[in-house]
Amino acid sequence: MLAEAPAATPALEVQGLGVRYGALVALDGVSWAVHPGELLGIIGPNGAGKSTCYEAATNLVPRQGRVLLAGQDVSAVPAHGLAALGLKRAFQQN
């Protein structure tokens, strides 16, 4: 029996993201990862927290949890610092 190859380090990984706006819990314990060459879509109805998830991952809103870029913890890096590392927030175009 062949051993499985070790999984590649995710290009982007979020662990336990949490965002609260006062008493409103927008995200609670959200985790996901994207490996090199993968595409990830986050879908859901209006108000489900999709945009908040992107904003939390790119440090545009106060949040709990960790963000790793190529295995490096960038949780404390401000949004402009993440942009310099290649992690940017894109906005929808109407």
N, C-alpha and C. Protein backbone atom coordinates (compact mmCIF):
# COMPACT_ATOMS: atom_id res chain seq x y z
N MET A 1 0.84 -1.17 0.00
CA MET A 1 0.00 0.00 0.00
C MET A 1 0.89 1.23 0.00
N LEU A 2 0.57 2.20 -0.85
CA LEU A 2 1.34 3.42 -0.94
C LEU A 2 0.87 4.44 0.07
N ALA A 3 1.79 5.13 0.67
CA ALA A 3 1.44 6.21 1.59
C ALA A 3 1.02 7.43 0.80
N GLU A 4 0.05 8.14 1.32
CA GLU A 4 -0.39 9.36 0.66
C GLU A 4 0.68 10.42 0.78
N ALA A 5 0.82 11.23 -0.28
CA ALA A 5 1.76 12.34 -0.24
C ALA A 5 1.26 13.38 0.76
N PRO A 6 2.15 14.02 1.48
CA PRO A 6 1.71 15.05 2.42
C PRO A 6 0.99 16.16 1.67
N ALA A 7 -0.04 16.68 2.29
CA ALA A 7 -0.81 17.76 1.68
C ALA A 7 0.07 19.01 1.57
N ALA A 8 -0.07 19.69 0.45
CA ALA A 8 0.66 20.94 0.27
C ALA A 8 0.16 21.98 1.26
N THR A 9 1.01 22.88 1.62
CA THR A 9 0.61 23.98 2.49
C THR A 9 -0.42 24.83 1.77
N PRO A 10 -1.52 25.13 2.42
CA PRO A 10 -2.53 25.97 1.77
C PRO A 10 -1.94 27.34 1.41
N ALA A 11 -2.39 27.87 0.27
CA ALA A 11 -2.00 29.23 -0.11
C ALA A 11 -2.62 30.23 0.86
N LEU A 12 -3.86 29.97 1.26
CA LEU A 12 -4.57 30.81 2.22
C LEU A 12 -5.41 29.92 3.11
N GLU A 13 -5.33 30.15 4.40
CA GLU A 13 -6.11 29.37 5.35
C GLU A 13 -6.64 30.29 6.43
N VAL A 14 -7.93 30.13 6.76
CA VAL A 14 -8.50 30.86 7.89
C VAL A 14 -8.96 29.83 8.90
N GLN A 15 -8.75 30.14 10.16
CA GLN A 15 -9.07 29.21 11.24
C GLN A 15 -9.90 29.93 12.30
N GLY A 16 -11.11 29.48 12.49
CA GLY A 16 -11.94 29.96 13.57
C GLY A 16 -12.31 31.44 13.50
N LEU A 17 -12.57 31.95 12.29
CA LEU A 17 -12.92 33.36 12.18
C LEU A 17 -14.22 33.65 12.91
N GLY A 18 -14.22 34.74 13.63
CA GLY A 18 -15.41 35.20 14.32
C GLY A 18 -15.51 36.70 14.20
N VAL A 19 -16.69 37.19 13.85
CA VAL A 19 -16.93 38.64 13.75
C VAL A 19 -18.26 38.93 14.44
N ARG A 20 -18.24 39.94 15.27
CA ARG A 20 -19.46 40.37 15.97
C ARG A 20 -19.64 41.87 15.77
N TYR A 21 -20.86 42.26 15.56
CA TYR A 21 -21.24 43.67 15.52
C TYR A 21 -22.19 43.88 16.69
N GLY A 22 -21.65 44.24 17.84
CA GLY A 22 -22.46 44.33 19.04
C GLY A 22 -22.96 42.94 19.42
N ALA A 23 -24.28 42.80 19.55
CA ALA A 23 -24.87 41.51 19.90
C ALA A 23 -25.04 40.60 18.69
N LEU A 24 -24.90 41.15 17.49
CA LEU A 24 -25.08 40.37 16.26
C LEU A 24 -23.82 39.56 15.96
N VAL A 25 -23.97 38.25 15.86
CA VAL A 25 -22.85 37.38 15.50
C VAL A 25 -22.90 37.16 13.99
N ALA A 26 -21.93 37.75 13.28
CA ALA A 26 -21.89 37.63 11.82
C ALA A 26 -21.16 36.36 11.39
N LEU A 27 -20.08 36.02 12.07
CA LEU A 27 -19.32 34.79 11.80
C LEU A 27 -18.96 34.17 13.14
N ASP A 28 -18.98 32.85 13.19
CA ASP A 28 -18.63 32.15 14.42
C ASP A 28 -17.89 30.87 14.08
N GLY A 29 -16.58 30.86 14.26
CA GLY A 29 -15.80 29.65 14.05
C GLY A 29 -15.66 29.20 12.61
N VAL A 30 -15.58 30.14 11.68
CA VAL A 30 -15.47 29.80 10.25
C VAL A 30 -14.03 29.44 9.92
N SER A 31 -13.87 28.29 9.28
CA SER A 31 -12.54 27.83 8.85
C SER A 31 -12.62 27.32 7.43
N TRP A 32 -11.61 27.61 6.63
CA TRP A 32 -11.49 27.08 5.28
C TRP A 32 -10.05 27.26 4.80
N ALA A 33 -9.71 26.57 3.74
CA ALA A 33 -8.36 26.67 3.18
C ALA A 33 -8.44 26.55 1.67
N VAL A 34 -7.52 27.22 1.00
CA VAL A 34 -7.37 27.14 -0.45
C VAL A 34 -5.93 26.75 -0.73
N HIS A 35 -5.75 25.66 -1.45
CA HIS A 35 -4.41 25.19 -1.80
C HIS A 35 -4.01 25.75 -3.16
N PRO A 36 -2.72 25.79 -3.44
CA PRO A 36 -2.27 26.27 -4.75
C PRO A 36 -2.99 25.53 -5.88
N GLY A 37 -3.49 26.28 -6.85
CA GLY A 37 -4.19 25.69 -7.99
C GLY A 37 -5.67 25.48 -7.77
N GLU A 38 -6.17 25.66 -6.55
CA GLU A 38 -7.59 25.49 -6.26
C GLU A 38 -8.34 26.81 -6.41
N LEU A 39 -9.63 26.68 -6.63
CA LEU A 39 -10.54 27.81 -6.58
C LEU A 39 -11.55 27.52 -5.48
N LEU A 40 -11.90 28.53 -4.72
CA LEU A 40 -12.88 28.37 -3.65
C LEU A 40 -13.97 29.39 -3.85
N GLY A 41 -15.20 28.94 -3.83
CA GLY A 41 -16.34 29.85 -3.88
C GLY A 41 -17.08 29.78 -2.57
N ILE A 42 -17.49 30.94 -2.09
CA ILE A 42 -18.30 31.00 -0.88
C ILE A 42 -19.65 31.53 -1.30
N ILE A 43 -20.68 30.69 -1.12
CA ILE A 43 -22.01 31.05 -1.58
C ILE A 43 -22.99 31.06 -0.42
N GLY A 44 -24.07 31.76 -0.60
CA GLY A 44 -25.11 31.81 0.41
C GLY A 44 -26.04 32.98 0.13
N PRO A 45 -27.15 33.02 0.83
CA PRO A 45 -28.12 34.09 0.62
C PRO A 45 -27.61 35.43 1.17
N ASN A 46 -28.30 36.49 0.81
CA ASN A 46 -27.97 37.80 1.37
C ASN A 46 -27.98 37.73 2.89
N GLY A 47 -26.98 38.33 3.50
CA GLY A 47 -26.90 38.36 4.95
C GLY A 47 -26.25 37.14 5.58
N ALA A 48 -25.74 36.22 4.76
CA ALA A 48 -25.16 34.99 5.29
C ALA A 48 -23.75 35.19 5.85
N GLY A 49 -23.10 36.30 5.51
CA GLY A 49 -21.76 36.57 6.02
C GLY A 49 -20.64 36.40 5.02
N LYS A 50 -20.98 36.30 3.74
CA LYS A 50 -19.94 36.11 2.71
C LYS A 50 -18.97 37.29 2.66
N SER A 51 -19.50 38.49 2.54
CA SER A 51 -18.64 39.67 2.48
C SER A 51 -17.89 39.85 3.79
N THR A 52 -18.54 39.61 4.90
CA THR A 52 -17.88 39.72 6.20
C THR A 52 -16.72 38.73 6.29
N CYS A 53 -16.87 37.57 5.72
CA CYS A 53 -15.80 36.57 5.73
C CYS A 53 -14.58 37.09 4.96
N TYR A 54 -14.81 37.69 3.79
CA TYR A 54 -13.71 38.28 3.02
C TYR A 54 -13.06 39.43 3.79
N GLU A 55 -13.91 40.27 4.39
CA GLU A 55 -13.39 41.41 5.14
C GLU A 55 -12.59 40.94 6.36
N ALA A 56 -13.03 39.88 7.01
CA ALA A 56 -12.29 39.34 8.15
C ALA A 56 -10.97 38.73 7.70
N ALA A 57 -10.98 37.99 6.62
CA ALA A 57 -9.75 37.36 6.13
C ALA A 57 -8.70 38.39 5.74
N THR A 58 -9.14 39.55 5.26
CA THR A 58 -8.21 40.60 4.84
C THR A 58 -8.03 41.68 5.89
N ASN A 59 -8.47 41.41 7.10
CA ASN A 59 -8.27 42.27 8.27
C ASN A 59 -8.89 43.67 8.10
N LEU A 60 -10.04 43.72 7.45
CA LEU A 60 -10.75 44.99 7.28
C LEU A 60 -11.78 45.22 8.38
N VAL A 61 -12.07 44.21 9.17
CA VAL A 61 -12.98 44.34 10.31
C VAL A 61 -12.33 43.66 11.51
N PRO A 62 -12.64 44.13 12.72
CA PRO A 62 -12.13 43.43 13.90
C PRO A 62 -12.66 42.00 13.94
N ARG A 63 -11.79 41.06 14.23
CA ARG A 63 -12.20 39.65 14.19
C ARG A 63 -11.41 38.82 15.18
N GLN A 64 -11.92 37.62 15.40
CA GLN A 64 -11.20 36.59 16.14
C GLN A 64 -10.73 35.57 15.12
N GLY A 65 -9.78 34.75 15.49
CA GLY A 65 -9.31 33.69 14.62
C GLY A 65 -7.96 34.00 14.02
N ARG A 66 -7.52 33.09 13.19
CA ARG A 66 -6.20 33.21 12.57
C ARG A 66 -6.31 33.18 11.06
N VAL A 67 -5.35 33.85 10.41
CA VAL A 67 -5.23 33.84 8.96
C VAL A 67 -3.78 33.47 8.64
N LEU A 68 -3.63 32.46 7.79
CA LEU A 68 -2.29 32.03 7.39
C LEU A 68 -2.15 32.18 5.88
N LEU A 69 -1.06 32.77 5.47
CA LEU A 69 -0.75 32.96 4.06
C LEU A 69 0.51 32.16 3.77
N ALA A 70 0.37 31.12 2.95
CA ALA A 70 1.47 30.21 2.63
C ALA A 70 2.11 29.66 3.91
N GLY A 71 1.27 29.35 4.90
CA GLY A 71 1.73 28.75 6.14
C GLY A 71 2.21 29.73 7.19
N GLN A 72 2.32 31.00 6.86
CA GLN A 72 2.78 32.02 7.80
C GLN A 72 1.59 32.71 8.43
N ASP A 73 1.59 32.83 9.74
CA ASP A 73 0.50 33.50 10.44
C ASP A 73 0.58 34.99 10.18
N VAL A 74 -0.43 35.53 9.50
CA VAL A 74 -0.49 36.95 9.17
C VAL A 74 -1.69 37.61 9.86
N SER A 75 -2.15 36.99 10.94
CA SER A 75 -3.34 37.47 11.64
C SER A 75 -3.22 38.92 12.11
N ALA A 76 -2.04 39.33 12.50
CA ALA A 76 -1.85 40.68 13.04
C ALA A 76 -1.42 41.69 11.97
N VAL A 77 -1.25 41.25 10.74
CA VAL A 77 -0.82 42.16 9.67
C VAL A 77 -2.01 43.02 9.23
N PRO A 78 -1.84 44.35 9.18
CA PRO A 78 -2.95 45.20 8.74
C PRO A 78 -3.26 44.99 7.26
N ALA A 79 -4.44 45.45 6.85
CA ALA A 79 -4.90 45.23 5.48
C ALA A 79 -3.89 45.69 4.44
N HIS A 80 -3.29 46.87 4.63
CA HIS A 80 -2.32 47.34 3.63
C HIS A 80 -1.07 46.46 3.60
N GLY A 81 -0.71 45.87 4.72
CA GLY A 81 0.41 44.94 4.75
C GLY A 81 0.08 43.63 4.04
N LEU A 82 -1.17 43.18 4.19
CA LEU A 82 -1.60 41.97 3.48
C LEU A 82 -1.60 42.21 1.97
N ALA A 83 -2.01 43.39 1.55
CA ALA A 83 -2.01 43.72 0.12
C ALA A 83 -0.59 43.63 -0.43
N ALA A 84 0.37 44.11 0.34
CA ALA A 84 1.76 44.04 -0.10
C ALA A 84 2.25 42.60 -0.22
N LEU A 85 1.61 41.68 0.56
CA LEU A 85 1.97 40.26 0.49
C LEU A 85 1.17 39.51 -0.57
N GLY A 86 0.23 40.20 -1.23
CA GLY A 86 -0.54 39.59 -2.31
C GLY A 86 -1.95 39.20 -1.95
N LEU A 87 -2.40 39.48 -0.72
CA LEU A 87 -3.76 39.15 -0.31
C LEU A 87 -4.58 40.44 -0.33
N LYS A 88 -5.51 40.52 -1.28
CA LYS A 88 -6.27 41.75 -1.48
C LYS A 88 -7.75 41.45 -1.52
N ARG A 89 -8.52 42.44 -1.17
CA ARG A 89 -9.98 42.35 -1.20
C ARG A 89 -10.46 42.93 -2.52
N ALA A 90 -11.24 42.16 -3.26
CA ALA A 90 -11.84 42.64 -4.52
C ALA A 90 -13.31 42.93 -4.27
N PHE A 91 -13.82 43.98 -4.87
CA PHE A 91 -15.21 44.36 -4.70
C PHE A 91 -16.01 43.98 -5.92
N GLN A 92 -17.31 43.73 -5.74
CA GLN A 92 -18.20 43.42 -6.84
C GLN A 92 -18.37 44.64 -7.72
N GLN A 93 -18.55 44.40 -9.00
CA GLN A 93 -18.83 45.47 -9.95
C GLN A 93 -20.24 45.27 -10.47
N ASN A 94 -21.04 46.30 -10.44
CA ASN A 94 -22.40 46.20 -10.98
C ASN A 94 -22.40 46.35 -12.48
